[in-house]
Amino acid sequence: QVQLVESGGGLVQPGGSLTLSCAASGTIFRVDAMGWYRQAPGKQRELVATITRGSTTNYADFVKGRFAISRDNAKNTVYLQMNNLKPDDTAVYYCNAMIKFVAYWGQGTQVTVSS
């Protein structure tokens, strides 16, 4: 069984920064692509950023230049550094990991950007 556990969410003022972490645990041979998605109230879940095992990254246009995704393969962990946060970034952020062609999801962590 595979579990993804996210941490690092919280309340931050506009222009502030947060770093999210997500660690995969359980019976894992190898974690392939990992990523972060988010869902705001009343909206569909949307892609934020993804990273391959070889660290090739992909970002949604609305976070380019502000967010950075990275990973530590030895720890099966993915990170999301979020800078210059805006109120529109308020959402539940979900971690995703592909393992043997199966998608696993974390429980989500709330990020609220407000003054």
N, C-alpha and C. Protein backbone atom coordinates (compact mmCIF):
# COMPACT_ATOMS: atom_id res chain seq x y z
N GLN A 1 0.85 -1.19 0.00
CA GLN A 1 0.00 0.00 0.00
C GLN A 1 0.88 1.23 0.00
N VAL A 2 0.47 2.22 -0.81
CA VAL A 2 1.23 3.46 -0.94
C VAL A 2 0.45 4.60 -0.31
N GLN A 3 1.15 5.42 0.43
CA GLN A 3 0.54 6.62 1.01
C GLN A 3 1.35 7.85 0.64
N LEU A 4 0.65 8.94 0.37
CA LEU A 4 1.29 10.23 0.14
C LEU A 4 0.85 11.16 1.27
N VAL A 5 1.81 11.76 1.94
CA VAL A 5 1.51 12.64 3.05
C VAL A 5 2.08 14.02 2.76
N GLU A 6 1.17 15.01 2.68
CA GLU A 6 1.57 16.38 2.40
C GLU A 6 1.73 17.17 3.68
N SER A 7 2.53 18.20 3.62
CA SER A 7 2.69 19.12 4.74
C SER A 7 3.13 20.47 4.21
N GLY A 8 2.99 21.49 5.06
CA GLY A 8 3.51 22.81 4.72
C GLY A 8 2.47 23.85 4.36
N GLY A 9 1.20 23.47 4.30
CA GLY A 9 0.18 24.46 3.99
C GLY A 9 -0.05 25.41 5.15
N GLY A 10 -0.88 26.42 4.91
CA GLY A 10 -1.18 27.37 5.98
C GLY A 10 -1.71 28.67 5.44
N LEU A 11 -1.72 29.66 6.32
CA LEU A 11 -2.19 31.00 5.99
C LEU A 11 -0.99 31.90 5.76
N VAL A 12 -1.01 32.64 4.66
CA VAL A 12 0.09 33.54 4.34
C VAL A 12 -0.47 34.81 3.73
N GLN A 13 0.22 35.90 3.93
CA GLN A 13 -0.22 37.17 3.35
C GLN A 13 0.16 37.25 1.88
N PRO A 14 -0.57 38.04 1.10
CA PRO A 14 -0.19 38.23 -0.31
C PRO A 14 1.26 38.68 -0.42
N GLY A 15 1.96 38.08 -1.38
CA GLY A 15 3.38 38.36 -1.55
C GLY A 15 4.28 37.46 -0.75
N GLY A 16 3.70 36.66 0.12
CA GLY A 16 4.48 35.77 0.97
C GLY A 16 4.86 34.48 0.27
N SER A 17 5.52 33.60 1.04
CA SER A 17 6.01 32.33 0.50
C SER A 17 5.63 31.16 1.40
N LEU A 18 5.49 30.01 0.78
CA LEU A 18 5.28 28.75 1.49
C LEU A 18 5.99 27.65 0.72
N THR A 19 6.38 26.61 1.44
CA THR A 19 6.94 25.42 0.79
C THR A 19 6.12 24.21 1.20
N LEU A 20 5.59 23.51 0.22
CA LEU A 20 4.85 22.28 0.45
C LEU A 20 5.79 21.08 0.25
N SER A 21 5.54 20.05 1.04
CA SER A 21 6.28 18.80 0.90
C SER A 21 5.30 17.65 0.79
N CYS A 22 5.72 16.60 0.11
CA CYS A 22 4.89 15.40 -0.02
C CYS A 22 5.80 14.20 -0.07
N ALA A 23 5.63 13.31 0.89
CA ALA A 23 6.46 12.11 0.96
C ALA A 23 5.63 10.88 0.67
N ALA A 24 6.14 10.04 -0.21
CA ALA A 24 5.49 8.77 -0.53
C ALA A 24 6.09 7.67 0.33
N SER A 25 5.23 6.84 0.90
CA SER A 25 5.72 5.76 1.74
C SER A 25 4.93 4.49 1.43
N GLY A 26 5.48 3.36 1.90
CA GLY A 26 4.82 2.08 1.66
C GLY A 26 5.70 1.18 0.81
N THR A 27 5.07 0.23 0.17
CA THR A 27 5.81 -0.71 -0.69
C THR A 27 6.01 -0.05 -2.04
N ILE A 28 7.17 0.56 -2.20
CA ILE A 28 7.47 1.33 -3.42
C ILE A 28 8.77 0.84 -4.00
N PHE A 29 8.71 0.44 -5.27
CA PHE A 29 9.95 0.10 -5.95
C PHE A 29 10.58 1.36 -6.54
N ARG A 30 9.71 2.16 -7.19
CA ARG A 30 10.21 3.36 -7.84
C ARG A 30 9.06 4.31 -8.10
N VAL A 31 9.28 5.58 -7.78
CA VAL A 31 8.27 6.60 -8.06
C VAL A 31 8.65 7.28 -9.37
N ASP A 32 7.72 7.31 -10.30
CA ASP A 32 7.97 7.95 -11.58
C ASP A 32 7.62 9.43 -11.47
N ALA A 33 6.74 9.94 -12.33
CA ALA A 33 6.42 11.36 -12.28
C ALA A 33 5.71 11.73 -10.98
N MET A 34 5.95 12.92 -10.50
CA MET A 34 5.26 13.46 -9.33
C MET A 34 4.75 14.85 -9.67
N GLY A 35 3.77 15.30 -8.93
CA GLY A 35 3.24 16.61 -9.26
C GLY A 35 2.36 17.18 -8.18
N TRP A 36 1.98 18.42 -8.40
CA TRP A 36 1.07 19.13 -7.51
C TRP A 36 -0.11 19.64 -8.32
N TYR A 37 -1.28 19.49 -7.74
CA TYR A 37 -2.53 19.99 -8.31
C TYR A 37 -3.22 20.81 -7.23
N ARG A 38 -4.19 21.60 -7.63
CA ARG A 38 -4.92 22.37 -6.63
C ARG A 38 -6.39 22.47 -7.01
N GLN A 39 -7.21 22.67 -6.01
CA GLN A 39 -8.65 22.83 -6.23
C GLN A 39 -9.17 23.92 -5.32
N ALA A 40 -9.69 24.96 -5.94
CA ALA A 40 -10.30 26.06 -5.20
C ALA A 40 -11.80 25.79 -5.05
N PRO A 41 -12.44 26.40 -4.07
CA PRO A 41 -13.88 26.17 -3.87
C PRO A 41 -14.67 26.48 -5.13
N GLY A 42 -15.52 25.55 -5.53
CA GLY A 42 -16.37 25.75 -6.69
C GLY A 42 -15.67 25.58 -8.03
N LYS A 43 -14.40 25.16 -8.00
CA LYS A 43 -13.66 24.99 -9.25
C LYS A 43 -13.15 23.57 -9.38
N GLN A 44 -12.76 23.21 -10.61
CA GLN A 44 -12.21 21.88 -10.84
C GLN A 44 -10.75 21.83 -10.39
N ARG A 45 -10.30 20.63 -10.13
CA ARG A 45 -8.89 20.44 -9.80
C ARG A 45 -8.06 20.76 -11.03
N GLU A 46 -6.95 21.49 -10.83
CA GLU A 46 -6.11 21.88 -11.95
C GLU A 46 -4.64 21.58 -11.65
N LEU A 47 -3.90 21.35 -12.73
CA LEU A 47 -2.48 21.06 -12.60
C LEU A 47 -1.73 22.33 -12.22
N VAL A 48 -0.78 22.19 -11.30
CA VAL A 48 0.09 23.30 -10.92
C VAL A 48 1.48 23.07 -11.52
N ALA A 49 2.06 21.90 -11.24
CA ALA A 49 3.41 21.61 -11.73
C ALA A 49 3.65 20.11 -11.66
N THR A 50 4.48 19.62 -12.56
CA THR A 50 4.89 18.21 -12.53
C THR A 50 6.39 18.12 -12.70
N ILE A 51 6.93 16.98 -12.27
CA ILE A 51 8.37 16.75 -12.40
C ILE A 51 8.60 15.26 -12.66
N THR A 52 9.40 14.95 -13.66
CA THR A 52 9.72 13.56 -13.95
C THR A 52 10.80 13.06 -12.99
N ARG A 53 11.04 11.78 -13.05
CA ARG A 53 12.09 11.21 -12.20
C ARG A 53 13.45 11.83 -12.54
N GLY A 54 13.62 12.20 -13.79
CA GLY A 54 14.86 12.85 -14.21
C GLY A 54 14.87 14.35 -14.00
N SER A 55 13.83 14.86 -13.32
CA SER A 55 13.73 16.27 -12.94
C SER A 55 13.38 17.21 -14.08
N THR A 56 12.76 16.71 -15.13
CA THR A 56 12.18 17.60 -16.14
C THR A 56 10.88 18.16 -15.57
N THR A 57 10.72 19.47 -15.63
CA THR A 57 9.58 20.10 -14.99
C THR A 57 8.60 20.69 -16.00
N ASN A 58 7.36 20.84 -15.55
CA ASN A 58 6.32 21.46 -16.34
C ASN A 58 5.45 22.28 -15.40
N TYR A 59 5.10 23.51 -15.82
CA TYR A 59 4.33 24.40 -14.95
C TYR A 59 3.10 24.93 -15.66
N ALA A 60 2.05 25.15 -14.89
CA ALA A 60 0.91 25.88 -15.41
C ALA A 60 1.33 27.33 -15.61
N ASP A 61 0.75 27.96 -16.62
CA ASP A 61 1.14 29.34 -16.93
C ASP A 61 0.96 30.28 -15.73
N PHE A 62 -0.05 30.04 -14.92
CA PHE A 62 -0.35 30.98 -13.84
C PHE A 62 0.64 30.91 -12.68
N VAL A 63 1.57 29.95 -12.69
CA VAL A 63 2.58 29.89 -11.62
C VAL A 63 4.01 30.05 -12.14
N LYS A 64 4.16 30.14 -13.44
CA LYS A 64 5.51 30.27 -13.99
C LYS A 64 6.20 31.51 -13.44
N GLY A 65 7.42 31.32 -12.98
CA GLY A 65 8.19 32.42 -12.41
C GLY A 65 7.94 32.65 -10.94
N ARG A 66 6.92 31.98 -10.38
CA ARG A 66 6.62 32.17 -8.95
C ARG A 66 6.81 30.88 -8.15
N PHE A 67 6.48 29.75 -8.74
CA PHE A 67 6.56 28.46 -8.05
C PHE A 67 7.71 27.64 -8.64
N ALA A 68 8.28 26.76 -7.80
CA ALA A 68 9.32 25.86 -8.26
C ALA A 68 9.09 24.48 -7.66
N ILE A 69 9.06 23.47 -8.52
CA ILE A 69 8.89 22.10 -8.07
C ILE A 69 10.24 21.40 -8.09
N SER A 70 10.48 20.55 -7.10
CA SER A 70 11.72 19.78 -7.03
C SER A 70 11.41 18.45 -6.35
N ARG A 71 12.37 17.54 -6.39
CA ARG A 71 12.15 16.25 -5.76
C ARG A 71 13.46 15.67 -5.25
N ASP A 72 13.31 14.75 -4.31
CA ASP A 72 14.43 13.99 -3.77
C ASP A 72 14.09 12.52 -3.98
N ASN A 73 14.69 11.90 -4.97
CA ASN A 73 14.33 10.52 -5.30
C ASN A 73 14.68 9.54 -4.17
N ALA A 74 15.75 9.82 -3.45
CA ALA A 74 16.14 8.92 -2.36
C ALA A 74 15.10 8.92 -1.25
N LYS A 75 14.38 10.03 -1.10
CA LYS A 75 13.37 10.15 -0.04
C LYS A 75 11.96 10.01 -0.58
N ASN A 76 11.80 9.77 -1.89
CA ASN A 76 10.47 9.69 -2.51
C ASN A 76 9.62 10.91 -2.14
N THR A 77 10.24 12.06 -2.20
CA THR A 77 9.59 13.29 -1.75
C THR A 77 9.62 14.35 -2.86
N VAL A 78 8.51 15.06 -2.97
CA VAL A 78 8.41 16.18 -3.91
C VAL A 78 8.10 17.44 -3.12
N TYR A 79 8.63 18.56 -3.60
CA TYR A 79 8.46 19.84 -2.94
C TYR A 79 7.84 20.85 -3.91
N LEU A 80 7.18 21.84 -3.34
CA LEU A 80 6.68 22.96 -4.14
C LEU A 80 7.00 24.24 -3.38
N GLN A 81 7.96 24.98 -3.91
CA GLN A 81 8.30 26.29 -3.33
C GLN A 81 7.40 27.32 -4.01
N MET A 82 6.62 28.02 -3.20
CA MET A 82 5.66 29.00 -3.73
C MET A 82 6.05 30.39 -3.25
N ASN A 83 6.33 31.27 -4.18
CA ASN A 83 6.73 32.64 -3.87
C ASN A 83 5.72 33.62 -4.45
N ASN A 84 5.74 34.83 -3.92
CA ASN A 84 4.85 35.89 -4.41
C ASN A 84 3.41 35.38 -4.52
N LEU A 85 2.94 34.80 -3.44
CA LEU A 85 1.60 34.22 -3.45
C LEU A 85 0.53 35.29 -3.58
N LYS A 86 -0.55 34.91 -4.27
CA LYS A 86 -1.67 35.80 -4.53
C LYS A 86 -2.94 35.21 -3.94
N PRO A 87 -3.94 36.04 -3.66
CA PRO A 87 -5.20 35.50 -3.14
C PRO A 87 -5.79 34.42 -4.06
N ASP A 88 -5.59 34.53 -5.37
CA ASP A 88 -6.10 33.52 -6.30
C ASP A 88 -5.41 32.16 -6.14
N ASP A 89 -4.30 32.12 -5.42
CA ASP A 89 -3.62 30.85 -5.18
C ASP A 89 -4.27 30.07 -4.04
N THR A 90 -5.24 30.66 -3.38
CA THR A 90 -5.94 29.98 -2.29
C THR A 90 -6.65 28.74 -2.81
N ALA A 91 -6.34 27.59 -2.23
CA ALA A 91 -6.89 26.32 -2.69
C ALA A 91 -6.38 25.20 -1.79
N VAL A 92 -6.96 24.03 -1.98
CA VAL A 92 -6.38 22.82 -1.41
C VAL A 92 -5.39 22.27 -2.42
N TYR A 93 -4.18 22.03 -1.99
CA TYR A 93 -3.12 21.54 -2.87
C TYR A 93 -2.94 20.05 -2.64
N TYR A 94 -2.95 19.30 -3.74
CA TYR A 94 -2.85 17.85 -3.69
C TYR A 94 -1.56 17.38 -4.36
N CYS A 95 -0.93 16.43 -3.73
CA CYS A 95 0.25 15.79 -4.29
C CYS A 95 -0.18 14.57 -5.10
N ASN A 96 0.54 14.31 -6.18
CA ASN A 96 0.27 13.17 -7.04
C ASN A 96 1.56 12.44 -7.34
N ALA A 97 1.50 11.12 -7.38
CA ALA A 97 2.68 10.32 -7.73
C ALA A 97 2.25 9.16 -8.61
N MET A 98 3.02 8.92 -9.66
CA MET A 98 2.78 7.79 -10.56
C MET A 98 3.74 6.66 -10.19
N ILE A 99 3.18 5.52 -9.84
CA ILE A 99 3.97 4.36 -9.47
C ILE A 99 3.42 3.18 -10.24
N LYS A 100 4.26 2.62 -11.10
CA LYS A 100 3.85 1.48 -11.94
C LYS A 100 2.53 1.79 -12.65
N PHE A 101 2.45 2.97 -13.25
CA PHE A 101 1.31 3.39 -14.07
C PHE A 101 0.03 3.60 -13.26
N VAL A 102 0.13 3.63 -11.95
CA VAL A 102 -1.01 3.91 -11.10
C VAL A 102 -0.81 5.27 -10.45
N ALA A 103 -1.88 6.10 -10.46
CA ALA A 103 -1.81 7.43 -9.87
C ALA A 103 -2.26 7.39 -8.42
N TYR A 104 -1.43 7.93 -7.54
CA TYR A 104 -1.75 8.01 -6.12
C TYR A 104 -1.88 9.49 -5.75
N TRP A 105 -2.76 9.76 -4.79
CA TRP A 105 -3.04 11.13 -4.37
C TRP A 105 -2.89 11.26 -2.86
N GLY A 106 -2.42 12.44 -2.47
CA GLY A 106 -2.40 12.77 -1.05
C GLY A 106 -3.77 13.27 -0.61
N GLN A 107 -3.87 13.56 0.67
CA GLN A 107 -5.15 13.97 1.24
C GLN A 107 -5.42 15.46 1.02
N GLY A 108 -4.40 16.20 0.62
CA GLY A 108 -4.55 17.63 0.38
C GLY A 108 -4.11 18.46 1.56
N THR A 109 -3.59 19.65 1.26
CA THR A 109 -3.20 20.60 2.30
C THR A 109 -3.72 21.98 1.90
N GLN A 110 -4.31 22.67 2.84
CA GLN A 110 -4.94 23.95 2.56
C GLN A 110 -3.90 25.06 2.51
N VAL A 111 -3.96 25.86 1.46
CA VAL A 111 -3.16 27.08 1.36
C VAL A 111 -4.13 28.25 1.24
N THR A 112 -4.02 29.20 2.15
CA THR A 112 -4.88 30.37 2.14
C THR A 112 -4.01 31.62 2.08
N VAL A 113 -4.28 32.44 1.06
CA VAL A 113 -3.53 33.68 0.88
C VAL A 113 -4.48 34.84 1.15
N SER A 114 -4.24 35.52 2.24
CA SER A 114 -5.16 36.58 2.65
C SER A 114 -4.45 37.55 3.59
N SER A 115 -4.86 38.80 3.51
CA SER A 115 -4.33 39.80 4.43
C SER A 115 -5.24 39.95 5.64
